[in-house]
């Protein structure tokens, strides 16, 4: 049962339009761009995170969209910009909270972790006020914005020297999270709770169903993936009833559980130069050559084959490897799913993974 305020009105933002308070206040029907202080530099200057809050005219749930928890993951920053620009209070029954750049120090340094001490902000949530730099920043964001929401989306890319297929990671054993994952519309879902201290895990554990979105490469904007993720945000907002209508359904969906049999990191057994042979699409059949690893004299060559039919979710882009170095991340697909993927390939629907900078193979990038 919802609580009531002094005037007898409900204090539940789902049933009554209410201000969003974060230290300041964004009233119903208002859209505000702001910078929120989460720390200080060595000079004592404020570290400020850019945030947009769109408080709808009508009551409804609150959804956060967070980008650049890792500072070099820029696709999400572009998605956040587009989402913040696209929606106005009159569009929404509820509140949209967009954290444009969660990890400002790393973003400014164009690196993954907080500079100097290499602290991972995505292992610090929900944080605490007396913690290290990462823990304090995480706690500021958590207390001011994230913990006040009902659902969440955390936008990521691969790390440097790798690329990742467009997919989501979600604790699908939680029905509310599973519902969001389907609404987002990615074809591939890697199931699991997530790492301790990750934003997704902390939020979901706190009763805020949250997805991690993975898309493409670090250090760049990839327009096709940005557009796909922006549509995914719209699907989630629709599923959560901030927007009218119904979220679109995907033609095929593969939910991969956490057991090792359905996915595998394929690693180099020898050091050397890596030549990728798969492609141009990320579907590989069992026994097909994924890559070769050769010595500098070209006299010794190790052929790396697909142990099962699947999708290359993550791929090495730096063409050198040490023994044990991950070459690719392969996720198993059944025959029915692989045939549906091949139908999409034949009709050109899968080409989005190769166009406008979202290529999967060196030398194919389009201008």
Protein backbone atom coordinates (compact mmCIF):
# COMPACT_ATOMS: atom_id res chain seq x y z
CA UNK A 1 0.00 0.00 0.00
CA UNK A 2 1.39 3.39 -1.00
CA UNK A 3 2.18 5.95 1.68
CA UNK A 4 0.43 9.32 1.77
CA UNK A 5 1.79 12.81 2.17
CA UNK A 6 0.51 15.56 4.47
CA UNK A 7 -2.29 16.43 2.01
CA UNK A 8 -3.45 12.84 1.84
CA UNK A 9 -1.97 12.27 -1.62
CA UNK A 10 0.01 9.18 -2.57
CA UNK A 11 3.81 9.41 -2.43
CA UNK A 12 4.11 6.62 -5.02
CA UNK A 13 5.44 8.10 -8.28
CA UNK A 14 3.69 5.31 -10.19
CA UNK A 15 0.25 6.56 -9.17
CA UNK A 16 0.80 10.30 -8.85
CA UNK A 17 3.16 12.69 -10.68
CA UNK A 18 5.91 13.58 -8.22
CA UNK A 19 9.17 15.56 -8.36
CA UNK A 20 12.41 13.65 -8.88
CA UNK A 21 14.71 14.76 -6.07
CA UNK A 22 18.49 14.31 -6.19
CA UNK A 23 19.58 17.26 -4.04
CA UNK A 24 17.83 19.46 -6.56
CA UNK A 25 14.36 18.82 -7.90
CA UNK A 26 12.83 18.11 -11.33
CA UNK A 27 9.08 18.56 -11.21
CA UNK A 28 6.51 16.65 -13.30
CA UNK A 29 6.40 18.05 -16.81
CA UNK A 30 10.00 19.31 -16.60
CA UNK A 31 13.17 18.27 -18.45
CA UNK A 32 16.51 19.26 -16.99
CA UNK A 33 20.14 18.86 -18.08
CA UNK A 34 22.49 19.11 -15.11
CA UNK A 35 25.98 18.32 -13.86
CA UNK A 36 26.17 16.49 -10.55
CA UNK A 37 29.29 16.51 -8.41
CA UNK A 38 30.61 13.05 -7.49
CA UNK A 39 34.17 13.90 -6.38
CA UNK A 40 37.14 16.23 -6.71
CA UNK A 41 40.33 16.40 -8.75
CA UNK A 42 43.84 16.75 -7.29
CA UNK A 43 43.34 20.52 -7.60
CA UNK A 44 40.13 20.41 -5.60
CA UNK A 45 37.99 21.12 -8.66
CA UNK A 46 34.66 19.28 -8.85
CA UNK A 47 34.23 16.08 -10.86
CA UNK A 48 30.78 16.52 -12.37
CA UNK A 49 28.68 13.88 -14.12
CA UNK A 50 26.32 15.06 -16.91
CA UNK A 51 22.76 13.88 -16.26
CA UNK A 52 19.43 14.46 -18.00
CA UNK A 53 16.14 13.95 -16.14
CA UNK A 54 12.88 13.90 -18.09
CA UNK A 55 9.99 13.86 -15.62
CA UNK A 56 6.83 12.97 -17.51
CA UNK A 57 3.52 14.75 -17.31
CA UNK A 58 1.86 11.54 -16.13
CA UNK A 59 2.73 9.11 -13.30
CA UNK A 60 4.65 5.95 -14.02
CA UNK A 61 7.89 4.10 -13.29
CA UNK A 62 11.38 5.54 -13.33
CA UNK A 63 14.00 4.12 -15.70
CA UNK A 64 17.71 4.92 -15.71
CA UNK A 65 20.03 4.68 -18.72
CA UNK A 66 23.72 4.77 -17.71
CA UNK A 67 26.67 5.08 -20.10
CA UNK A 68 30.48 5.10 -19.82
CA UNK A 69 30.78 3.30 -16.50
CA UNK A 70 33.98 2.35 -18.34
CA UNK A 71 35.40 5.56 -19.73
CA UNK A 72 36.48 4.33 -23.18
CA UNK A 73 33.11 2.76 -24.08
CA UNK A 74 31.67 5.47 -26.27
CA UNK A 75 28.78 3.86 -28.17
CA UNK A 76 26.67 4.12 -25.01
CA UNK A 77 27.53 7.82 -24.67
CA UNK A 78 26.05 8.45 -28.12
CA UNK A 79 22.96 6.39 -27.26
CA UNK A 80 22.52 8.42 -24.07
CA UNK A 81 22.76 11.67 -26.05
CA UNK A 82 20.14 10.48 -28.53
CA UNK A 83 17.77 9.20 -25.83
CA UNK A 84 18.05 12.45 -23.84
CA UNK A 85 17.35 14.45 -26.99
CA UNK A 86 14.46 12.28 -28.20
CA UNK A 87 12.03 12.37 -25.28
CA UNK A 88 10.09 15.21 -23.70
CA UNK A 89 7.87 15.21 -20.60
CA UNK A 90 4.72 15.09 -22.71
CA UNK A 91 5.93 11.79 -24.20
CA UNK A 92 6.34 9.93 -20.92
CA UNK A 93 4.20 8.37 -18.22
CA UNK A 94 7.02 8.20 -15.70
CA UNK A 95 10.59 9.48 -15.45
CA UNK A 96 13.68 8.89 -17.57
CA UNK A 97 17.07 9.40 -15.90
CA UNK A 98 20.04 9.49 -18.29
CA UNK A 99 23.55 9.34 -16.83
CA UNK A 100 25.54 10.39 -19.90
CA UNK A 101 29.04 9.64 -18.55
CA UNK A 102 29.18 7.79 -15.24
CA UNK A 103 32.98 7.59 -15.08
CA UNK A 104 34.08 11.12 -15.93
CA UNK A 105 37.77 10.77 -14.89
CA UNK A 106 38.21 7.69 -17.11
CA UNK A 107 36.24 9.32 -19.94
CA UNK A 108 38.51 12.37 -19.85
CA UNK A 109 41.58 10.12 -19.92
CA UNK A 110 39.96 7.94 -22.62
CA UNK A 111 40.68 4.77 -20.69
CA UNK A 112 38.59 2.01 -19.16
CA UNK A 113 39.29 2.53 -15.45
CA UNK A 114 39.62 5.50 -13.12
CA UNK A 115 43.13 6.89 -13.79
CA UNK A 116 46.19 6.50 -11.55
CA UNK A 117 44.87 3.66 -9.40
CA UNK A 118 43.05 1.75 -12.19
CA UNK A 119 39.92 1.29 -10.12
CA UNK A 120 36.97 -0.34 -11.92
CA UNK A 121 33.82 1.66 -11.28
CA UNK A 122 31.80 -1.36 -12.40
CA UNK A 123 33.05 -3.36 -9.43
CA UNK A 124 32.17 -0.67 -6.87
CA UNK A 125 28.34 -0.46 -6.82
CA UNK A 126 26.38 0.42 -4.78
CA UNK A 127 29.46 1.93 -3.15
CA UNK A 128 29.75 3.69 0.19
CA UNK A 129 30.68 7.17 1.32
CA UNK A 130 33.81 6.10 3.22
CA UNK A 131 35.24 3.94 0.45
CA UNK A 132 37.98 4.52 -2.15
CA UNK A 133 37.48 6.82 -5.15
CA UNK A 134 35.45 4.30 -7.14
CA UNK A 135 33.28 3.41 -4.16
CA UNK A 136 32.57 7.05 -3.36
CA UNK A 137 31.69 7.90 -6.98
CA UNK A 138 29.46 4.84 -7.25
CA UNK A 139 27.72 5.74 -4.00
CA UNK A 140 27.06 9.32 -5.11
CA UNK A 141 25.45 8.13 -8.33
CA UNK A 142 23.56 5.38 -6.54
CA UNK A 143 22.09 7.57 -3.81
CA UNK A 144 21.24 10.55 -6.01
CA UNK A 145 19.84 8.83 -9.10
CA UNK A 146 20.08 5.08 -9.62
CA UNK A 147 18.50 3.78 -6.41
CA UNK A 148 15.44 5.98 -7.01
CA UNK A 149 14.57 4.19 -10.24
CA UNK A 150 12.45 1.10 -10.88
CA UNK A 151 14.32 -0.31 -13.92
CA UNK A 152 17.76 0.19 -15.45
CA UNK A 153 19.91 -0.13 -18.56
CA UNK A 154 23.72 -0.09 -18.34
CA UNK A 155 25.40 0.51 -21.72
CA UNK A 156 28.81 -1.01 -22.51
CA UNK A 157 31.12 -2.03 -25.37
CA UNK A 158 34.04 -4.43 -25.55
CA UNK A 159 37.42 -3.46 -24.16
CA UNK A 160 40.32 -2.24 -26.33
CA UNK A 161 41.65 -4.58 -29.04
CA UNK A 162 38.40 -6.55 -29.16
CA UNK A 163 34.91 -6.22 -30.57
CA UNK A 164 31.67 -7.71 -29.33
CA UNK A 165 28.42 -8.65 -31.00
CA UNK A 166 25.32 -6.68 -30.03
CA UNK A 167 23.79 -8.53 -27.06
CA UNK A 168 22.51 -8.13 -23.52
CA UNK A 169 23.51 -9.70 -20.23
CA UNK A 170 20.74 -10.30 -17.74
CA UNK A 171 19.70 -12.32 -14.71
CA UNK A 172 16.90 -14.03 -16.63
CA UNK A 173 15.94 -16.18 -13.63
CA UNK A 174 14.32 -12.94 -12.41
CA UNK A 175 11.03 -12.64 -14.39
CA UNK A 176 11.13 -8.83 -14.42
CA UNK A 177 14.66 -8.84 -15.83
CA UNK A 178 13.75 -11.47 -18.40
CA UNK A 179 10.83 -9.29 -19.51
CA UNK A 180 13.17 -6.32 -20.03
CA UNK A 181 15.65 -8.47 -21.98
CA UNK A 182 12.94 -9.55 -24.42
CA UNK A 183 11.66 -6.00 -24.75
CA UNK A 184 15.12 -4.64 -25.55
CA UNK A 185 15.13 -6.76 -28.68
CA UNK A 186 18.68 -8.11 -28.87
CA UNK A 187 18.83 -11.57 -30.40
CA UNK A 188 21.35 -12.88 -27.88
CA UNK A 189 21.08 -12.86 -24.09
CA UNK A 190 23.88 -14.12 -21.86
CA UNK A 191 22.21 -15.14 -18.61
CA UNK A 192 23.72 -14.67 -15.17
CA UNK A 193 23.77 -12.41 -12.14
CA UNK A 194 26.88 -10.47 -13.20
CA UNK A 195 30.07 -9.76 -11.31
CA UNK A 196 30.07 -8.62 -7.70
CA UNK A 197 29.99 -4.82 -7.58
CA UNK A 198 28.70 -4.41 -11.13
CA UNK A 199 25.91 -1.89 -11.58
CA UNK A 200 23.61 -4.53 -13.06
CA UNK A 201 24.06 -6.95 -10.18
CA UNK A 202 23.76 -4.31 -7.45
CA UNK A 203 20.66 -2.75 -8.97
CA UNK A 204 18.89 -6.05 -9.62
CA UNK A 205 19.68 -7.23 -6.08
CA UNK A 206 18.14 -3.99 -4.78
CA UNK A 207 14.89 -4.71 -6.62
CA UNK A 208 15.69 -2.61 -9.70
CA UNK A 209 15.65 -5.03 -12.68
CA UNK A 210 18.60 -4.02 -14.86
CA UNK A 211 20.22 -5.13 -18.12
CA UNK A 212 23.79 -4.76 -19.34
CA UNK A 213 23.95 -3.92 -23.05
CA UNK A 214 27.14 -4.89 -24.92
CA UNK A 215 27.81 -3.46 -28.38
CA UNK A 216 30.84 -3.20 -30.58
CA UNK A 217 34.20 -1.57 -29.94
CA UNK A 218 35.73 0.89 -27.51
CA UNK A 219 36.95 4.37 -28.53
CA UNK A 220 34.44 5.02 -31.32
CA UNK A 221 30.84 5.68 -32.35
CA UNK A 222 29.32 2.88 -34.46
CA UNK A 223 26.09 4.30 -35.93
CA UNK A 224 24.32 1.01 -36.70
CA UNK A 225 24.80 -0.26 -33.16
CA UNK A 226 23.88 3.12 -31.67
CA UNK A 227 20.60 3.02 -33.60
CA UNK A 228 19.89 -0.58 -32.56
CA UNK A 229 20.50 0.28 -28.90
CA UNK A 230 18.36 3.41 -29.14
CA UNK A 231 15.52 1.27 -30.48
CA UNK A 232 16.18 -1.14 -27.63
CA UNK A 233 15.78 1.65 -25.07
CA UNK A 234 12.49 2.55 -26.72
CA UNK A 235 11.38 -1.07 -26.44
CA UNK A 236 12.15 -1.10 -22.72
CA UNK A 237 10.37 2.22 -22.14
CA UNK A 238 7.37 0.79 -23.97
CA UNK A 239 7.41 -2.46 -21.98
CA UNK A 240 7.59 -0.45 -18.75
CA UNK A 241 4.65 1.68 -20.00
CA UNK A 242 6.48 4.98 -20.03
CA UNK A 243 5.61 5.02 -23.73
CA UNK A 244 2.37 3.75 -25.34
CA UNK A 245 2.21 0.65 -27.52
CA UNK A 246 3.93 -2.72 -27.42
CA UNK A 247 7.59 -3.61 -27.67
CA UNK A 248 8.45 -5.35 -30.99
CA UNK A 249 9.33 -9.04 -30.98
CA UNK A 250 12.59 -10.40 -32.39
CA UNK A 251 12.60 -13.07 -35.10
CA UNK A 252 15.00 -15.23 -33.12
CA UNK A 253 16.25 -15.17 -29.58
CA UNK A 254 19.00 -17.19 -27.96
CA UNK A 255 19.20 -17.12 -24.15
CA UNK A 256 22.49 -18.70 -23.08
CA UNK A 257 22.63 -20.02 -19.51
CA UNK A 258 25.73 -19.71 -17.40
CA UNK A 259 26.91 -23.31 -17.84
CA UNK A 260 30.17 -23.76 -19.75
CA UNK A 261 28.67 -26.14 -22.32
CA UNK A 262 26.87 -23.43 -24.24
CA UNK A 263 29.72 -20.93 -24.52
CA UNK A 264 33.48 -21.04 -24.63
CA UNK A 265 36.47 -18.74 -24.69
CA UNK A 266 38.80 -20.12 -27.35
CA UNK A 267 42.40 -19.36 -26.44
CA UNK A 268 45.74 -19.50 -28.23
CA UNK A 269 47.91 -22.51 -27.40
CA UNK A 270 50.98 -20.85 -28.88
CA UNK A 271 52.26 -17.31 -29.26
CA UNK A 272 52.50 -15.65 -32.65
CA UNK A 273 50.68 -13.72 -35.35
CA UNK A 274 46.90 -14.15 -35.62
CA UNK A 275 45.11 -14.25 -38.98
CA UNK A 276 41.30 -14.35 -38.81
CA UNK A 277 39.65 -16.51 -41.49
CA UNK A 278 35.99 -16.58 -40.49
CA UNK A 279 33.34 -14.24 -41.82
CA UNK A 280 32.17 -11.89 -42.97
CA UNK A 281 29.33 -12.85 -40.61
CA UNK A 282 29.80 -14.02 -37.00
CA UNK A 283 28.05 -17.39 -37.53
CA UNK A 284 30.54 -20.28 -37.73
CA UNK A 285 29.83 -23.98 -38.27
CA UNK A 286 31.46 -26.75 -36.27
CA UNK A 287 34.86 -27.56 -37.72
CA UNK A 288 35.23 -24.30 -39.67
CA UNK A 289 38.52 -22.44 -39.34
CA UNK A 290 38.21 -19.37 -37.14
CA UNK A 291 41.82 -18.25 -37.31
CA UNK A 292 45.42 -19.38 -37.54
CA UNK A 293 48.35 -18.55 -35.26
CA UNK A 294 51.76 -18.66 -36.96
CA UNK A 295 55.36 -17.91 -36.05
CA UNK A 296 57.26 -15.01 -37.59
CA UNK A 297 59.03 -17.26 -40.10
CA UNK A 298 55.74 -18.64 -41.43
CA UNK A 299 57.00 -22.18 -40.84
CA UNK A 300 54.70 -23.18 -37.98
CA UNK A 301 50.99 -22.60 -38.07
CA UNK A 302 48.29 -23.59 -35.59
CA UNK A 303 44.75 -23.82 -37.06
CA UNK A 304 41.96 -22.89 -34.63
CA UNK A 305 38.62 -24.48 -35.53
CA UNK A 306 35.11 -23.97 -34.15
CA UNK A 307 34.37 -26.72 -31.60
CA UNK A 308 30.64 -26.31 -32.24
CA UNK A 309 28.25 -24.27 -34.38
CA UNK A 310 27.76 -20.87 -32.85
CA UNK A 311 28.03 -17.10 -32.88
CA UNK A 312 31.28 -15.25 -32.34
CA UNK A 313 30.13 -12.90 -29.60
CA UNK A 314 33.57 -11.44 -28.95
CA UNK A 315 36.62 -11.38 -31.22
CA UNK A 316 40.28 -10.39 -30.81
CA UNK A 317 41.28 -7.48 -33.06
CA UNK A 318 44.92 -7.09 -32.04
CA UNK A 319 46.59 -9.62 -34.39
CA UNK A 320 49.19 -10.95 -31.93
CA UNK A 321 48.71 -13.48 -29.16
CA UNK A 322 50.48 -15.16 -26.27
CA UNK A 323 49.71 -18.69 -25.07
CA UNK A 324 46.39 -18.54 -23.24
CA UNK A 325 45.38 -15.28 -24.89
CA UNK A 326 41.63 -15.21 -25.72
CA UNK A 327 41.02 -15.30 -29.46
CA UNK A 328 37.23 -15.32 -29.47
CA UNK A 329 34.12 -15.96 -27.39
CA UNK A 330 31.84 -18.52 -29.06
CA UNK A 331 28.20 -19.12 -28.07
CA UNK A 332 26.42 -22.28 -29.23
CA UNK A 333 23.28 -22.01 -31.39
CA UNK A 334 21.03 -24.89 -32.39
CA UNK A 335 20.21 -25.82 -35.97
CA UNK A 336 16.87 -23.99 -36.03
CA UNK A 337 18.48 -20.76 -34.83
CA UNK A 338 21.43 -21.05 -37.21
CA UNK A 339 19.02 -21.54 -40.13
CA UNK A 340 17.08 -18.40 -39.10
CA UNK A 341 20.36 -16.46 -38.94
CA UNK A 342 21.29 -17.71 -42.41
CA UNK A 343 17.90 -16.55 -43.71
CA UNK A 344 18.60 -13.09 -42.27
CA UNK A 345 22.02 -13.13 -43.91
CA UNK A 346 20.51 -14.06 -47.28
CA UNK A 347 17.99 -11.19 -47.09
CA UNK A 348 20.57 -8.63 -45.91
CA UNK A 349 19.08 -8.13 -42.42
CA UNK A 350 22.34 -9.16 -40.77
CA UNK A 351 24.37 -6.60 -42.72
CA UNK A 352 24.04 -4.06 -39.93
CA UNK A 353 26.95 -5.78 -38.22
CA UNK A 354 29.23 -4.87 -41.14
CA UNK A 355 28.13 -1.36 -42.13
CA UNK A 356 29.15 2.10 -40.93
CA UNK A 357 32.05 1.06 -38.78
CA UNK A 358 30.47 -2.02 -37.22
CA UNK A 359 32.49 -4.41 -39.33
CA UNK A 360 33.65 -7.75 -38.02
CA UNK A 361 36.76 -8.16 -40.13
CA UNK A 362 39.85 -6.01 -40.59
CA UNK A 363 39.90 -4.23 -43.95
CA UNK A 364 36.13 -4.21 -44.47
CA UNK A 365 35.34 -0.96 -42.69
CA UNK A 366 33.20 1.35 -44.81
CA UNK A 367 33.76 5.05 -45.05
